[in-house]
Every structure is written in structure tokens, then in C-alpha cells.
């Protein structure tokens, strides 16, 4: 990601050790486009793109759907790695919709 995104609820910053982004605060439905742009700016040639949600207090279903759509758009050996704390219940939310079987989406518990 080339830059940062910030508003009253959310900060999106680039990761420095790996290709990806880290989010801080609350991710609501209005952030879907900013989230998609931030992931896209990470580079479509990267084998792994990391989205670190460990500092997120709230993740709207629309934002989770955006991450799923981004993972589905990856090809070949690429994957979207999502780091999330158990409090966000991402694993359960993905499983409830069958999204836990998407091969290009990997959830890493933090």
C-alpha cells in the first residue's frame, strides 16, 4: 500500500515486514471501497497479501464480504491472509456462510 487511509473510525496503514495492511479501529460498511483499494494497492503480483485485523474492535459484515470477494479474485498460488483476534468471531462468521472453504482465503488466529 502506498499510503494511509484515516477517518473518525478507521486507520488503514501499510505493513512493513510483509505485503499487506493493518487496520485500527472500527470497520463499517462505508469502508468497503477504501478496504478494497488498500488491498489492491498492495500489488496483485504478491503471493501473499496480509490483512491484519488484530487492532480492530468491530468488523461489519459488509467489510468481511469485501475481504471474501478480494480473496476470490486472487488466482493461482496467491492468497489473502487475514489475522484476527477471536473477539471478532471471523472464523465462525466465515464458516456460517461456507466461506471457510475458499482456498485463497486463510484465517490466522492472533
PDB file of N, CA and C in Angstrom:
ATOM      1  N   UNK A   1       0.842  -1.174   0.000  1.00  0.00           N
ATOM      2  CA  UNK A   1       0.000   0.000   0.000  1.00  0.00           C
ATOM      3  C   UNK A   1       0.882   1.231   0.000  1.00  0.00           C
ATOM      4  N   UNK A   2       0.536   2.174  -0.795  1.00  0.00           N
ATOM      5  CA  UNK A   2       1.362   3.372  -0.941  1.00  0.00           C
ATOM      6  C   UNK A   2       1.179   4.370   0.190  1.00  0.00           C
ATOM      7  N   UNK A   3      -0.021   4.436   0.732  1.00  0.00           N
ATOM      8  CA  UNK A   3      -0.282   5.458   1.731  1.00  0.00           C
ATOM      9  C   UNK A   3      -1.181   4.957   2.835  1.00  0.00           C
ATOM     10  N   UNK A   4      -1.808   5.902   3.490  1.00  0.00           N
ATOM     11  CA  UNK A   4      -2.675   5.617   4.618  1.00  0.00           C
ATOM     12  C   UNK A   4      -4.087   6.069   4.300  1.00  0.00           C
ATOM     13  N   UNK A   5      -5.053   5.473   4.992  1.00  0.00           N
ATOM     14  CA  UNK A   5      -6.428   5.943   4.968  1.00  0.00           C
ATOM     15  C   UNK A   5      -6.807   6.198   6.414  1.00  0.00           C
ATOM     16  N   UNK A   6      -7.466   7.306   6.666  1.00  0.00           N
ATOM     17  CA  UNK A   6      -7.912   7.589   8.034  1.00  0.00           C
ATOM     18  C   UNK A   6      -9.214   8.373   7.997  1.00  0.00           C
ATOM     19  N   UNK A   7     -10.122   8.023   8.900  1.00  0.00           N
ATOM     20  CA  UNK A   7     -11.312   8.830   9.164  1.00  0.00           C
ATOM     21  C   UNK A   7     -11.592   8.729  10.659  1.00  0.00           C
ATOM     22  N   UNK A   8     -12.774   9.118  11.086  1.00  0.00           N
ATOM     23  CA  UNK A   8     -13.084   9.148  12.518  1.00  0.00           C
ATOM     24  C   UNK A   8     -13.076   7.769  13.169  1.00  0.00           C
ATOM     25  N   UNK A   9     -13.285   6.709  12.390  1.00  0.00           N
ATOM     26  CA  UNK A   9     -13.400   5.364  12.942  1.00  0.00           C
ATOM     27  C   UNK A   9     -12.239   4.435  12.611  1.00  0.00           C
ATOM     28  N   UNK A  10     -11.574   4.672  11.497  1.00  0.00           N
ATOM     29  CA  UNK A  10     -10.641   3.682  10.979  1.00  0.00           C
ATOM     30  C   UNK A  10      -9.335   4.301  10.495  1.00  0.00           C
ATOM     31  N   UNK A  11      -8.257   3.582  10.754  1.00  0.00           N
ATOM     32  CA  UNK A  11      -6.951   3.887  10.175  1.00  0.00           C
ATOM     33  C   UNK A  11      -6.487   2.637   9.445  1.00  0.00           C
ATOM     34  N   UNK A  12      -6.104   2.792   8.179  1.00  0.00           N
ATOM     35  CA  UNK A  12      -5.502   1.706   7.408  1.00  0.00           C
ATOM     36  C   UNK A  12      -4.074   2.125   7.114  1.00  0.00           C
ATOM     37  N   UNK A  13      -3.130   1.277   7.505  1.00  0.00           N
ATOM     38  CA  UNK A  13      -1.705   1.578   7.326  1.00  0.00           C
ATOM     39  C   UNK A  13      -1.024   0.397   6.646  1.00  0.00           C
ATOM     40  N   UNK A  14       0.044   0.659   5.902  1.00  0.00           N
ATOM     41  CA  UNK A  14       0.772  -0.442   5.263  1.00  0.00           C
ATOM     42  C   UNK A  14       1.562  -1.245   6.295  1.00  0.00           C
ATOM     43  N   UNK A  15       1.730  -2.522   6.025  1.00  0.00           N
ATOM     44  CA  UNK A  15       2.637  -3.348   6.826  1.00  0.00           C
ATOM     45  C   UNK A  15       4.049  -3.145   6.292  1.00  0.00           C
ATOM     46  N   UNK A  16       5.028  -3.274   7.152  1.00  0.00           N
ATOM     47  CA  UNK A  16       6.401  -3.048   6.714  1.00  0.00           C
ATOM     48  C   UNK A  16       7.190  -4.339   6.517  1.00  0.00           C
ATOM     49  N   UNK A  17       6.868  -5.390   7.249  1.00  0.00           N
ATOM     50  CA  UNK A  17       7.608  -6.645   7.121  1.00  0.00           C
ATOM     51  C   UNK A  17       7.066  -7.561   6.035  1.00  0.00           C
ATOM     52  N   UNK A  18       5.842  -7.377   5.635  1.00  0.00           N
ATOM     53  CA  UNK A  18       5.229  -8.202   4.593  1.00  0.00           C
ATOM     54  C   UNK A  18       4.288  -7.358   3.756  1.00  0.00           C
ATOM     55  N   UNK A  19       3.845  -7.926   2.662  1.00  0.00           N
ATOM     56  CA  UNK A  19       2.907  -7.232   1.791  1.00  0.00           C
ATOM     57  C   UNK A  19       1.536  -7.264   2.441  1.00  0.00           C
ATOM     58  N   UNK A  20       0.980  -6.095   2.697  1.00  0.00           N
ATOM     59  CA  UNK A  20      -0.342  -6.057   3.287  1.00  0.00           C
ATOM     60  C   UNK A  20      -0.635  -4.780   4.030  1.00  0.00           C
ATOM     61  N   UNK A  21      -1.734  -4.834   4.791  1.00  0.00           N
ATOM     62  CA  UNK A  21      -2.204  -3.669   5.531  1.00  0.00           C
ATOM     63  C   UNK A  21      -2.588  -4.058   6.950  1.00  0.00           C
ATOM     64  N   UNK A  22      -2.580  -3.061   7.836  1.00  0.00           N
ATOM     65  CA  UNK A  22      -3.049  -3.231   9.212  1.00  0.00           C
ATOM     66  C   UNK A  22      -4.148  -2.211   9.438  1.00  0.00           C
ATOM     67  N   UNK A  23      -5.233  -2.663  10.047  1.00  0.00           N
ATOM     68  CA  UNK A  23      -6.363  -1.792  10.320  1.00  0.00           C
ATOM     69  C   UNK A  23      -6.479  -1.556  11.819  1.00  0.00           C
ATOM     70  N   UNK A  24      -6.889  -0.342  12.180  1.00  0.00           N
ATOM     71  CA  UNK A  24      -7.068   0.053  13.574  1.00  0.00           C
ATOM     72  C   UNK A  24      -8.432   0.705  13.720  1.00  0.00           C
ATOM     73  N   UNK A  25      -9.207   0.279  14.710  1.00  0.00           N
ATOM     74  CA  UNK A  25     -10.489   0.923  14.981  1.00  0.00           C
ATOM     75  C   UNK A  25     -11.678   0.086  14.596  1.00  0.00           C
ATOM     76  N   UNK A  26     -12.647   0.720  13.953  1.00  0.00           N
ATOM     77  CA  UNK A  26     -13.890   0.061  13.559  1.00  0.00           C
ATOM     78  C   UNK A  26     -14.037   0.104  12.045  1.00  0.00           C
ATOM     79  N   UNK A  27     -14.348  -1.068  11.468  1.00  0.00           N
ATOM     80  CA  UNK A  27     -14.524  -1.173  10.018  1.00  0.00           C
ATOM     81  C   UNK A  27     -16.015  -1.347   9.752  1.00  0.00           C
ATOM     82  N   UNK A  28     -16.621  -0.307   9.200  1.00  0.00           N
ATOM     83  CA  UNK A  28     -18.057  -0.339   8.919  1.00  0.00           C
ATOM     84  C   UNK A  28     -18.276  -0.510   7.414  1.00  0.00           C
ATOM     85  N   UNK A  29     -19.520  -0.675   7.023  1.00  0.00           N
ATOM     86  CA  UNK A  29     -19.836  -0.882   5.614  1.00  0.00           C
ATOM     87  C   UNK A  29     -19.349   0.236   4.707  1.00  0.00           C
ATOM     88  N   UNK A  30     -19.324   1.450   5.216  1.00  0.00           N
ATOM     89  CA  UNK A  30     -18.874   2.587   4.409  1.00  0.00           C
ATOM     90  C   UNK A  30     -17.390   2.497   4.059  1.00  0.00           C
ATOM     91  N   UNK A  31     -16.664   1.616   4.720  1.00  0.00           N
ATOM     92  CA  UNK A  31     -15.224   1.466   4.467  1.00  0.00           C
ATOM     93  C   UNK A  31     -14.907   0.414   3.401  1.00  0.00           C
ATOM     94  N   UNK A  32     -15.919  -0.214   2.817  1.00  0.00           N
ATOM     95  CA  UNK A  32     -15.673  -1.298   1.857  1.00  0.00           C
ATOM     96  C   UNK A  32     -14.787  -0.854   0.699  1.00  0.00           C
ATOM     97  N   UNK A  33     -15.067   0.286   0.124  1.00  0.00           N
ATOM     98  CA  UNK A  33     -14.279   0.747  -1.029  1.00  0.00           C
ATOM     99  C   UNK A  33     -12.840   1.055  -0.616  1.00  0.00           C
ATOM    100  N   UNK A  34     -12.660   1.715   0.509  1.00  0.00           N
ATOM    101  CA  UNK A  34     -11.309   2.039   0.986  1.00  0.00           C
ATOM    102  C   UNK A  34     -10.521   0.769   1.286  1.00  0.00           C
ATOM    103  N   UNK A  35     -11.186  -0.219   1.844  1.00  0.00           N
ATOM    104  CA  UNK A  35     -10.544  -1.502   2.124  1.00  0.00           C
ATOM    105  C   UNK A  35     -10.127  -2.188   0.829  1.00  0.00           C
ATOM    106  N   UNK A  36     -11.010  -2.200  -0.149  1.00  0.00           N
ATOM    107  CA  UNK A  36     -10.700  -2.830  -1.439  1.00  0.00           C
ATOM    108  C   UNK A  36      -9.538  -2.134  -2.132  1.00  0.00           C
ATOM    109  N   UNK A  37      -9.525  -0.810  -2.116  1.00  0.00           N
ATOM    110  CA  UNK A  37      -8.431  -0.059  -2.744  1.00  0.00           C
ATOM    111  C   UNK A  37      -7.118  -0.344  -2.023  1.00  0.00           C
ATOM    112  N   UNK A  38      -7.141  -0.358  -0.702  1.00  0.00           N
ATOM    113  CA  UNK A  38      -5.916  -0.601   0.071  1.00  0.00           C
ATOM    114  C   UNK A  38      -5.328  -1.975  -0.234  1.00  0.00           C
ATOM    115  N   UNK A  39      -6.172  -2.994  -0.314  1.00  0.00           N
ATOM    116  CA  UNK A  39      -5.674  -4.335  -0.639  1.00  0.00           C
ATOM    117  C   UNK A  39      -5.167  -4.376  -2.075  1.00  0.00           C
ATOM    118  N   UNK A  40      -5.898  -3.760  -2.997  1.00  0.00           N
ATOM    119  CA  UNK A  40      -5.478  -3.744  -4.401  1.00  0.00           C
ATOM    120  C   UNK A  40      -4.135  -3.046  -4.575  1.00  0.00           C
ATOM    121  N   UNK A  41      -3.890  -2.003  -3.811  1.00  0.00           N
ATOM    122  CA  UNK A  41      -2.623  -1.276  -3.906  1.00  0.00           C
ATOM    123  C   UNK A  41      -1.441  -2.088  -3.381  1.00  0.00           C
ATOM    124  N   UNK A  42      -1.716  -3.154  -2.668  1.00  0.00           N
ATOM    125  CA  UNK A  42      -0.629  -3.995  -2.143  1.00  0.00           C
ATOM    126  C   UNK A  42       0.116  -4.698  -3.272  1.00  0.00           C
ATOM    127  N   UNK A  43      -0.529  -4.823  -4.394  1.00  0.00           N
ATOM    128  CA  UNK A  43       0.127  -5.453  -5.538  1.00  0.00           C
ATOM    129  C   UNK A  43      -0.484  -6.786  -5.868  1.00  0.00           C
ATOM    130  N   UNK A  44      -0.985  -6.890  -7.062  1.00  0.00           N
ATOM    131  CA  UNK A  44      -1.616  -8.132  -7.492  1.00  0.00           C
ATOM    132  C   UNK A  44      -0.590  -9.216  -7.792  1.00  0.00           C
ATOM    133  N   UNK A  45       0.686  -8.863  -7.831  1.00  0.00           N
ATOM    134  CA  UNK A  45       1.714  -9.870  -8.111  1.00  0.00           C
ATOM    135  C   UNK A  45       2.207 -10.548  -6.839  1.00  0.00           C
ATOM    136  N   UNK A  46       1.819 -10.044  -5.682  1.00  0.00           N
ATOM    137  CA  UNK A  46       2.271 -10.630  -4.425  1.00  0.00           C
ATOM    138  C   UNK A  46       1.647 -12.011  -4.232  1.00  0.00           C
ATOM    139  N   UNK A  47       2.443 -12.937  -3.747  1.00  0.00           N
ATOM    140  CA  UNK A  47       1.937 -14.284  -3.498  1.00  0.00           C
ATOM    141  C   UNK A  47       0.989 -14.300  -2.299  1.00  0.00           C
ATOM    142  N   UNK A  48       1.346 -13.539  -1.260  1.00  0.00           N
ATOM    143  CA  UNK A  48       0.520 -13.437  -0.063  1.00  0.00           C
ATOM    144  C   UNK A  48       0.256 -11.969   0.244  1.00  0.00           C
ATOM    145  N   UNK A  49      -0.996 -11.652   0.502  1.00  0.00           N
ATOM    146  CA  UNK A  49      -1.363 -10.314   0.963  1.00  0.00           C
ATOM    147  C   UNK A  49      -1.967 -10.492   2.347  1.00  0.00           C
ATOM    148  N   UNK A  50      -1.410  -9.781   3.314  1.00  0.00           N
ATOM    149  CA  UNK A  50      -1.866  -9.895   4.694  1.00  0.00           C
ATOM    150  C   UNK A  50      -2.772  -8.728   5.055  1.00  0.00           C
ATOM    151  N   UNK A  51      -3.894  -9.044   5.694  1.00  0.00           N
ATOM    152  CA  UNK A  51      -4.781  -8.035   6.260  1.00  0.00           C
ATOM    153  C   UNK A  51      -4.817  -8.303   7.758  1.00  0.00           C
ATOM    154  N   UNK A  52      -4.198  -7.412   8.516  1.00  0.00           N
ATOM    155  CA  UNK A  52      -4.081  -7.563   9.968  1.00  0.00           C
ATOM    156  C   UNK A  52      -5.227  -6.817  10.646  1.00  0.00           C
ATOM    157  N   UNK A  53      -6.132  -7.584  11.242  1.00  0.00           N
ATOM    158  CA  UNK A  53      -7.295  -7.026  11.937  1.00  0.00           C
ATOM    159  C   UNK A  53      -7.140  -7.095  13.453  1.00  0.00           C
ATOM    160  N   UNK A  54      -5.937  -7.348  13.933  1.00  0.00           N
ATOM    161  CA  UNK A  54      -5.745  -7.554  15.370  1.00  0.00           C
ATOM    162  C   UNK A  54      -6.024  -6.307  16.207  1.00  0.00           C
ATOM    163  N   UNK A  55      -6.039  -5.147  15.588  1.00  0.00           N
ATOM    164  CA  UNK A  55      -6.337  -3.905  16.311  1.00  0.00           C
ATOM    165  C   UNK A  55      -7.721  -3.356  15.964  1.00  0.00           C
ATOM    166  N   UNK A  56      -8.580  -4.226  15.404  1.00  0.00           N
ATOM    167  CA  UNK A  56      -9.936  -3.835  15.022  1.00  0.00           C
ATOM    168  C   UNK A  56     -10.900  -4.242  16.128  1.00  0.00           C
ATOM    169  N   UNK A  57     -11.761  -3.294  16.526  1.00  0.00           N
ATOM    170  CA  UNK A  57     -12.753  -3.545  17.574  1.00  0.00           C
ATOM    171  C   UNK A  57     -14.088  -4.015  17.019  1.00  0.00           C
ATOM    172  N   UNK A  58     -14.370  -3.658  15.758  1.00  0.00           N
ATOM    173  CA  UNK A  58     -15.638  -4.016  15.130  1.00  0.00           C
ATOM    174  C   UNK A  58     -15.402  -4.218  13.639  1.00  0.00           C
ATOM    175  N   UNK A  59     -15.948  -5.302  13.086  1.00  0.00           N
ATOM    176  CA  UNK A  59     -15.841  -5.601  11.665  1.00  0.00           C
ATOM    177  C   UNK A  59     -17.241  -5.870  11.129  1.00  0.00           C
ATOM    178  N   UNK A  60     -17.744  -4.958  10.306  1.00  0.00           N
ATOM    179  CA  UNK A  60     -19.084  -5.104   9.726  1.00  0.00           C
ATOM    180  C   UNK A  60     -19.116  -6.270   8.746  1.00  0.00           C
ATOM    181  N   UNK A  61     -20.278  -6.874   8.594  1.00  0.00           N
ATOM    182  CA  UNK A  61     -20.432  -7.975   7.646  1.00  0.00           C
ATOM    183  C   UNK A  61     -20.074  -7.540   6.228  1.00  0.00           C
ATOM    184  N   UNK A  62     -20.413  -6.324   5.861  1.00  0.00           N
ATOM    185  CA  UNK A  62     -20.083  -5.824   4.526  1.00  0.00           C
ATOM    186  C   UNK A  62     -18.582  -5.775   4.294  1.00  0.00           C
ATOM    187  N   UNK A  63     -17.826  -5.418   5.306  1.00  0.00           N
ATOM    188  CA  UNK A  63     -16.365  -5.393   5.188  1.00  0.00           C
ATOM    189  C   UNK A  63     -15.815  -6.811   5.079  1.00  0.00           C
ATOM    190  N   UNK A  64     -16.391  -7.744   5.817  1.00  0.00           N
ATOM    191  CA  UNK A  64     -15.974  -9.139   5.720  1.00  0.00           C
ATOM    192  C   UNK A  64     -16.286  -9.685   4.323  1.00  0.00           C
ATOM    193  N   UNK A  65     -17.443  -9.341   3.786  1.00  0.00           N
ATOM    194  CA  UNK A  65     -17.800  -9.753   2.428  1.00  0.00           C
ATOM    195  C   UNK A  65     -16.818  -9.188   1.406  1.00  0.00           C
ATOM    196  N   UNK A  66     -16.326  -7.980   1.633  1.00  0.00           N
ATOM    197  CA  UNK A  66     -15.333  -7.377   0.745  1.00  0.00           C
ATOM    198  C   UNK A  66     -14.043  -8.181   0.776  1.00  0.00           C
ATOM    199  N   UNK A  67     -13.606  -8.591   1.952  1.00  0.00           N
ATOM    200  CA  UNK A  67     -12.391  -9.413   2.054  1.00  0.00           C
ATOM    201  C   UNK A  67     -12.575 -10.746   1.329  1.00  0.00           C
ATOM    202  N   UNK A  68     -13.743 -11.338   1.460  1.00  0.00           N
ATOM    203  CA  UNK A  68     -14.028 -12.599   0.771  1.00  0.00           C
ATOM    204  C   UNK A  68     -13.986 -12.395  -0.744  1.00  0.00           C
ATOM    205  N   UNK A  69     -14.596 -11.320  -1.230  1.00  0.00           N
ATOM    206  CA  UNK A  69     -14.587 -11.037  -2.666  1.00  0.00           C
ATOM    207  C   UNK A  69     -13.160 -10.813  -3.165  1.00  0.00           C
ATOM    208  N   UNK A  70     -12.351 -10.123  -2.385  1.00  0.00           N
ATOM    209  CA  UNK A  70     -10.952  -9.903  -2.768  1.00  0.00           C
ATOM    210  C   UNK A  70     -10.195 -11.222  -2.820  1.00  0.00           C
ATOM    211  N   UNK A  71     -10.427 -12.089  -1.855  1.00  0.00           N
ATOM    212  CA  UNK A  71      -9.764 -13.400  -1.846  1.00  0.00           C
ATOM    213  C   UNK A  71     -10.181 -14.217  -3.060  1.00  0.00           C
ATOM    214  N   UNK A  72     -11.462 -14.179  -3.388  1.00  0.00           N
ATOM    215  CA  UNK A  72     -11.957 -14.931  -4.546  1.00  0.00           C
ATOM    216  C   UNK A  72     -11.377 -14.414  -5.860  1.00  0.00           C
ATOM    217  N   UNK A  73     -10.995 -13.153  -5.893  1.00  0.00           N
ATOM    218  CA  UNK A  73     -10.458 -12.580  -7.132  1.00  0.00           C
ATOM    219  C   UNK A  73      -8.991 -12.940  -7.362  1.00  0.00           C
ATOM    220  N   UNK A  74      -8.340 -13.518  -6.354  1.00  0.00           N
ATOM    221  CA  UNK A  74      -6.933 -13.908  -6.488  1.00  0.00           C
ATOM    222  C   UNK A  74      -6.838 -15.179  -7.317  1.00  0.00           C
ATOM    223  N   UNK A  75      -5.687 -15.370  -7.925  1.00  0.00           N
ATOM    224  CA  UNK A  75      -5.529 -16.537  -8.787  1.00  0.00           C
ATOM    225  C   UNK A  75      -4.260 -17.303  -8.458  1.00  0.00           C
ATOM    226  N   UNK A  76      -4.225 -18.524  -8.934  1.00  0.00           N
ATOM    227  CA  UNK A  76      -3.026 -19.351  -8.787  1.00  0.00           C
ATOM    228  C   UNK A  76      -2.635 -19.601  -7.349  1.00  0.00           C
ATOM    229  N   UNK A  77      -1.395 -19.321  -7.046  1.00  0.00           N
ATOM    230  CA  UNK A  77      -0.841 -19.573  -5.716  1.00  0.00           C
ATOM    231  C   UNK A  77      -1.045 -18.401  -4.756  1.00  0.00           C
ATOM    232  N   UNK A  78      -1.745 -17.370  -5.186  1.00  0.00           N
ATOM    233  CA  UNK A  78      -1.957 -16.215  -4.325  1.00  0.00           C
ATOM    234  C   UNK A  78      -2.949 -16.527  -3.213  1.00  0.00           C
ATOM    235  N   UNK A  79      -2.821 -15.794  -2.095  1.00  0.00           N
ATOM    236  CA  UNK A  79      -3.798 -15.927  -1.029  1.00  0.00           C
ATOM    237  C   UNK A  79      -3.884 -14.633  -0.231  1.00  0.00           C
ATOM    238  N   UNK A  80      -5.028 -14.454   0.400  1.00  0.00           N
ATOM    239  CA  UNK A  80      -5.263 -13.355   1.305  1.00  0.00           C
ATOM    240  C   UNK A  80      -5.198 -13.934   2.712  1.00  0.00           C
ATOM    241  N   UNK A  81      -4.216 -13.487   3.493  1.00  0.00           N
ATOM    242  CA  UNK A  81      -4.060 -13.927   4.878  1.00  0.00           C
ATOM    243  C   UNK A  81      -4.730 -12.900   5.775  1.00  0.00           C
ATOM    244  N   UNK A  82      -5.676 -13.341   6.580  1.00  0.00           N
ATOM    245  CA  UNK A  82      -6.388 -12.441   7.485  1.00  0.00           C
ATOM    246  C   UNK A  82      -6.033 -12.829   8.916  1.00  0.00           C
ATOM    247  N   UNK A  83      -5.409 -11.901   9.626  1.00  0.00           N
ATOM    248  CA  UNK A  83      -5.090 -12.089  11.034  1.00  0.00           C
ATOM    249  C   UNK A  83      -6.176 -11.412  11.845  1.00  0.00           C
ATOM    250  N   UNK A  84      -6.791 -12.160  12.748  1.00  0.00           N
ATOM    251  CA  UNK A  84      -7.890 -11.587  13.522  1.00  0.00           C
ATOM    252  C   UNK A  84      -7.915 -12.164  14.926  1.00  0.00           C
ATOM    253  N   UNK A  85      -8.283 -11.323  15.874  1.00  0.00           N
ATOM    254  CA  UNK A  85      -8.456 -11.762  17.256  1.00  0.00           C
ATOM    255  C   UNK A  85      -9.767 -12.536  17.371  1.00  0.00           C
ATOM    256  N   UNK A  86      -9.846 -13.479  18.301  1.00  0.00           N
ATOM    257  CA  UNK A  86     -11.061 -14.286  18.464  1.00  0.00           C
ATOM    258  C   UNK A  86     -12.317 -13.456  18.735  1.00  0.00           C
ATOM    259  N   UNK A  87     -12.158 -12.291  19.338  1.00  0.00           N
ATOM    260  CA  UNK A  87     -13.314 -11.459  19.680  1.00  0.00           C
ATOM    261  C   UNK A  87     -14.121 -11.025  18.457  1.00  0.00           C
ATOM    262  N   UNK A  88     -13.501 -10.965  17.298  1.00  0.00           N
ATOM    263  CA  UNK A  88     -14.232 -10.580  16.079  1.00  0.00           C
ATOM    264  C   UNK A  88     -15.065 -11.727  15.519  1.00  0.00           C
ATOM    265  N   UNK A  89     -14.818 -12.949  15.988  1.00  0.00           N
ATOM    266  CA  UNK A  89     -15.559 -14.136  15.562  1.00  0.00           C
ATOM    267  C   UNK A  89     -15.524 -14.334  14.049  1.00  0.00           C
ATOM    268  N   UNK A  90     -14.399 -14.014  13.441  1.00  0.00           N
ATOM    269  CA  UNK A  90     -14.270 -14.122  11.987  1.00  0.00           C
ATOM    270  C   UNK A  90     -14.400 -15.575  11.537  1.00  0.00           C
ATOM    271  N   UNK A  91     -13.763 -16.493  12.245  1.00  0.00           N
ATOM    272  CA  UNK A  91     -13.823 -17.908  11.868  1.00  0.00           C
ATOM    273  C   UNK A  91     -15.278 -18.394  11.832  1.00  0.00           C
ATOM    274  N   UNK A  92     -16.036 -18.083  12.863  1.00  0.00           N
ATOM    275  CA  UNK A  92     -17.432 -18.513  12.923  1.00  0.00           C
ATOM    276  C   UNK A  92     -18.264 -17.854  11.822  1.00  0.00           C
ATOM    277  N   UNK A  93     -18.010 -16.589  11.571  1.00  0.00           N
ATOM    278  CA  UNK A  93     -18.753 -15.862  10.550  1.00  0.00           C
ATOM    279  C   UNK A  93     -18.450 -16.397   9.154  1.00  0.00           C
ATOM    280  N   UNK A  94     -17.201 -16.759   8.909  1.00  0.00           N
ATOM    281  CA  UNK A  94     -16.850 -17.354   7.614  1.00  0.00           C
ATOM    282  C   UNK A  94     -17.479 -18.738   7.469  1.00  0.00           C
ATOM    283  N   UNK A  95     -17.401 -19.532   8.524  1.00  0.00           N
ATOM    284  CA  UNK A  95     -17.952 -20.891   8.487  1.00  0.00           C
ATOM    285  C   UNK A  95     -19.457 -20.886   8.262  1.00  0.00           C
ATOM    286  N   UNK A  96     -20.154 -19.950   8.862  1.00  0.00           N
ATOM    287  CA  UNK A  96     -21.611 -19.886   8.744  1.00  0.00           C
ATOM    288  C   UNK A  96     -22.059 -19.702   7.300  1.00  0.00           C
ATOM    289  N   UNK A  97     -21.209 -19.115   6.478  1.00  0.00           N
ATOM    290  CA  UNK A  97     -21.556 -18.867   5.075  1.00  0.00           C
ATOM    291  C   UNK A  97     -20.819 -19.801   4.112  1.00  0.00           C
ATOM    292  N   UNK A  98     -20.028 -20.714   4.653  1.00  0.00           N
ATOM    293  CA  UNK A  98     -19.266 -21.628   3.807  1.00  0.00           C
ATOM    294  C   UNK A  98     -18.017 -21.004   3.216  1.00  0.00           C
ATOM    295  N   UNK A  99     -17.678 -19.801   3.656  1.00  0.00           N
ATOM    296  CA  UNK A  99     -16.529 -19.091   3.115  1.00  0.00           C
ATOM    297  C   UNK A  99     -15.207 -19.619   3.663  1.00  0.00           C
ATOM    298  N   UNK A 100     -15.267 -20.438   4.676  1.00  0.00           N
ATOM    299  CA  UNK A 100     -14.034 -21.003   5.244  1.00  0.00           C
ATOM    300  C   UNK A 100     -13.402 -22.021   4.290  1.00  0.00           C
ATOM    301  N   UNK A 101     -14.110 -22.392   3.221  1.00  0.00           N
ATOM    302  CA  UNK A 101     -13.574 -23.347   2.245  1.00  0.00           C
ATOM    303  C   UNK A 101     -12.929 -22.670   1.035  1.00  0.00           C
ATOM    304  N   UNK A 102     -12.871 -21.348   1.037  1.00  0.00           N
ATOM    305  CA  UNK A 102     -12.230 -20.622  -0.059  1.00  0.00           C
ATOM    306  C   UNK A 102     -10.717 -20.808   0.058  1.00  0.00           C
ATOM    307  N   UNK A 103     -10.134 -21.407  -0.951  1.00  0.00           N
ATOM    308  CA  UNK A 103      -8.702 -21.760  -0.878  1.00  0.00           C
ATOM    309  C   UNK A 103      -7.765 -20.559  -0.875  1.00  0.00           C
ATOM    310  N   UNK A 104      -8.213 -19.433  -1.398  1.00  0.00           N
ATOM    311  CA  UNK A 104      -7.350 -18.261  -1.455  1.00  0.00           C
ATOM    312  C   UNK A 104      -7.537 -17.352  -0.231  1.00  0.00           C
ATOM    313  N   UNK A 105      -8.267 -17.811   0.753  1.00  0.00           N
ATOM    314  CA  UNK A 105      -8.504 -17.061   1.990  1.00  0.00           C
ATOM    315  C   UNK A 105      -7.997 -17.893   3.159  1.00  0.00           C
ATOM    316  N   UNK A 106      -7.073 -17.338   3.914  1.00  0.00           N
ATOM    317  CA  UNK A 106      -6.514 -18.050   5.073  1.00  0.00           C
ATOM    318  C   UNK A 106      -6.680 -17.191   6.316  1.00  0.00           C
ATOM    319  N   UNK A 107      -7.383 -17.722   7.288  1.00  0.00           N
ATOM    320  CA  UNK A 107      -7.575 -17.014   8.541  1.00  0.00           C
ATOM    321  C   UNK A 107      -6.528 -17.480   9.545  1.00  0.00           C
ATOM    322  N   UNK A 108      -5.825 -16.513  10.124  1.00  0.00           N
ATOM    323  CA  UNK A 108      -4.800 -16.787  11.123  1.00  0.00           C
ATOM    324  C   UNK A 108      -5.284 -16.189  12.435  1.00  0.00           C
ATOM    325  N   UNK A 109      -5.463 -17.024  13.451  1.00  0.00           N
ATOM    326  CA  UNK A 109      -5.877 -16.531  14.751  1.00  0.00           C
ATOM    327  C   UNK A 109      -4.722 -15.810  15.424  1.00  0.00           C
ATOM    328  N   UNK A 110      -5.026 -14.664  15.982  1.00  0.00           N
ATOM    329  CA  UNK A 110      -3.981 -13.863  16.651  1.00  0.00           C
ATOM    330  C   UNK A 110      -4.039 -14.067  18.143  1.00  0.00           C
TER     331      UNK A 110
END
